[in-house]
C-alpha cells in the first residue's frame, strides 16, 4: 500500500491548512489511519487517528479542538488544521494499519506516506 500526503505549505499563525493522504489500495476501508508529525530535532509524535469505520477518532492533547481528522469513501484521509501555532511546524506523515481501531503507537502502523512540510510563521 502506498500513501501520498499533500497539502502542506507556509501559513501564518492563526491560519488554516488541510492535509490530504491518498491511498493506492482499493481495500482502503480495511485500514485505520493516523497522522503523525516530526519537528526539527524532535521525535515523531502522534497527532490524530481515525478508525476503519470513521466513527472513532483520537487526538493528541496539543491539537484537540483545533485539528479534525476525517476520511471519505474513496481512498482519502484528511487533516483539517485550524488556529495553527508556530509549534505546529513539522513534517506531517500519514500512516495506515491493518486494524479497525485507532492507535497512537507508531510501531503499530504498517505503512507510511512520505510526509508533507507544514511551516507556521509568527
Protein backbone atom coordinates (compact mmCIF):
# COMPACT_ATOMS: atom_id res chain seq x y z
CA UNK A 1 0.00 0.00 0.00
CA UNK A 2 1.33 3.43 -0.91
CA UNK A 3 0.27 6.65 0.77
CA UNK A 4 0.72 10.11 -0.71
CA UNK A 5 0.46 13.07 1.65
CA UNK A 6 -0.11 16.56 0.30
CA UNK A 7 -1.39 19.97 1.31
CA UNK A 8 1.50 21.27 3.37
CA UNK A 9 2.87 24.75 2.98
CA UNK A 10 3.65 28.04 4.66
CA UNK A 11 0.93 29.72 6.69
CA UNK A 12 0.77 32.46 9.28
CA UNK A 13 -0.09 31.72 12.87
CA UNK A 14 -3.85 31.57 13.28
CA UNK A 15 -4.33 30.32 9.75
CA UNK A 16 -5.57 27.01 8.40
CA UNK A 17 -4.37 24.18 6.19
CA UNK A 18 -5.93 20.95 5.03
CA UNK A 19 -3.72 17.91 4.55
CA UNK A 20 -4.76 15.03 2.33
CA UNK A 21 -3.50 11.46 2.36
CA UNK A 22 -4.34 9.43 -0.73
CA UNK A 23 -4.04 5.63 -0.57
CA UNK A 24 -3.21 3.48 -3.56
CA UNK A 25 -5.25 0.48 -2.49
CA UNK A 26 -8.83 -0.39 -3.34
CA UNK A 27 -9.10 -2.02 0.09
CA UNK A 28 -8.56 1.31 1.83
CA UNK A 29 -11.60 0.79 4.01
CA UNK A 30 -9.97 -2.10 5.90
CA UNK A 31 -7.40 0.20 7.43
CA UNK A 32 -7.48 2.64 10.29
CA UNK A 33 -5.42 5.76 9.60
CA UNK A 34 -3.32 8.19 11.52
CA UNK A 35 -1.41 11.43 11.23
CA UNK A 36 1.92 11.98 12.92
CA UNK A 37 4.42 14.81 12.83
CA UNK A 38 8.10 15.37 13.36
CA UNK A 39 9.56 18.76 14.16
CA UNK A 40 13.26 19.51 13.59
CA UNK A 41 15.36 17.88 16.27
CA UNK A 42 12.39 16.09 17.82
CA UNK A 43 10.95 12.62 17.72
CA UNK A 44 7.95 11.75 15.63
CA UNK A 45 4.74 12.19 17.58
CA UNK A 46 1.11 11.25 17.30
CA UNK A 47 -1.34 13.87 16.06
CA UNK A 48 -4.65 12.18 15.22
CA UNK A 49 -6.17 8.85 14.27
CA UNK A 50 -9.42 7.59 12.80
CA UNK A 51 -10.89 4.11 12.88
CA UNK A 52 -11.68 1.98 9.88
CA UNK A 53 -15.36 2.89 10.16
CA UNK A 54 -14.62 6.57 10.64
CA UNK A 55 -16.69 6.60 13.81
CA UNK A 56 -13.87 6.65 16.35
CA UNK A 57 -11.27 9.40 16.38
CA UNK A 58 -8.45 10.31 18.72
CA UNK A 59 -6.34 13.44 19.06
CA UNK A 60 -3.20 14.49 20.83
CA UNK A 61 -3.96 16.99 23.57
CA UNK A 62 -1.87 19.61 21.80
CA UNK A 63 -4.19 19.68 18.76
CA UNK A 64 -7.55 18.82 20.29
CA UNK A 65 -10.16 21.40 19.38
CA UNK A 66 -8.05 22.77 16.53
CA UNK A 67 -7.46 19.78 14.22
CA UNK A 68 -10.03 17.45 12.69
CA UNK A 69 -9.32 14.10 11.09
CA UNK A 70 -11.75 12.59 8.60
CA UNK A 71 -11.90 10.08 5.76
CA UNK A 72 -14.08 9.59 2.75
CA UNK A 73 -15.46 6.52 0.97
CA UNK A 74 -12.77 6.71 -1.66
CA UNK A 75 -9.17 6.44 -0.59
CA UNK A 76 -8.53 9.71 1.21
CA UNK A 77 -7.82 10.75 4.76
CA UNK A 78 -7.82 14.40 5.72
CA UNK A 79 -6.42 16.54 8.49
CA UNK A 80 -8.06 19.93 8.78
CA UNK A 81 -5.80 22.19 10.81
CA UNK A 82 -7.20 25.44 12.18
CA UNK A 83 -5.78 28.08 14.54
CA UNK A 84 -2.29 26.99 13.65
CA UNK A 85 0.54 27.81 16.00
CA UNK A 86 4.26 28.14 15.36
CA UNK A 87 4.77 24.97 17.40
CA UNK A 88 2.74 23.06 14.81
CA UNK A 89 5.63 23.46 12.37
CA UNK A 90 6.75 19.97 11.36
CA UNK A 91 6.76 17.36 8.64
CA UNK A 92 3.39 15.63 8.76
CA UNK A 93 3.10 11.95 7.92
CA UNK A 94 0.05 9.84 7.29
CA UNK A 95 0.09 6.17 8.19
CA UNK A 96 -2.17 3.15 7.98
CA UNK A 97 -2.64 -0.01 9.96
CA UNK A 98 -4.46 -3.25 9.22
CA UNK A 99 -6.79 -2.93 12.17
CA UNK A 100 -10.22 -1.43 12.65
CA UNK A 101 -9.17 0.52 15.76
CA UNK A 102 -7.38 3.79 16.38
CA UNK A 103 -3.87 3.80 17.79
CA UNK A 104 -1.35 6.38 19.00
CA UNK A 105 1.56 3.97 18.77
CA UNK A 106 3.95 4.46 15.86
CA UNK A 107 5.09 0.83 15.84
CA UNK A 108 1.53 -0.36 15.28
CA UNK A 109 1.29 1.28 11.87
CA UNK A 110 2.10 -0.89 8.88
CA UNK A 111 2.77 1.64 6.15
CA UNK A 112 3.65 5.32 5.88
CA UNK A 113 3.48 8.18 3.43
CA UNK A 114 6.44 10.35 2.54
CA UNK A 115 5.48 13.40 4.61
CA UNK A 116 4.46 16.94 3.82
CA UNK A 117 6.03 20.02 5.40
CA UNK A 118 3.90 22.48 7.35
CA UNK A 119 5.56 25.74 8.35
CA UNK A 120 3.71 28.19 10.59
CA UNK A 121 5.21 31.66 10.80
CA UNK A 122 4.63 34.16 13.58
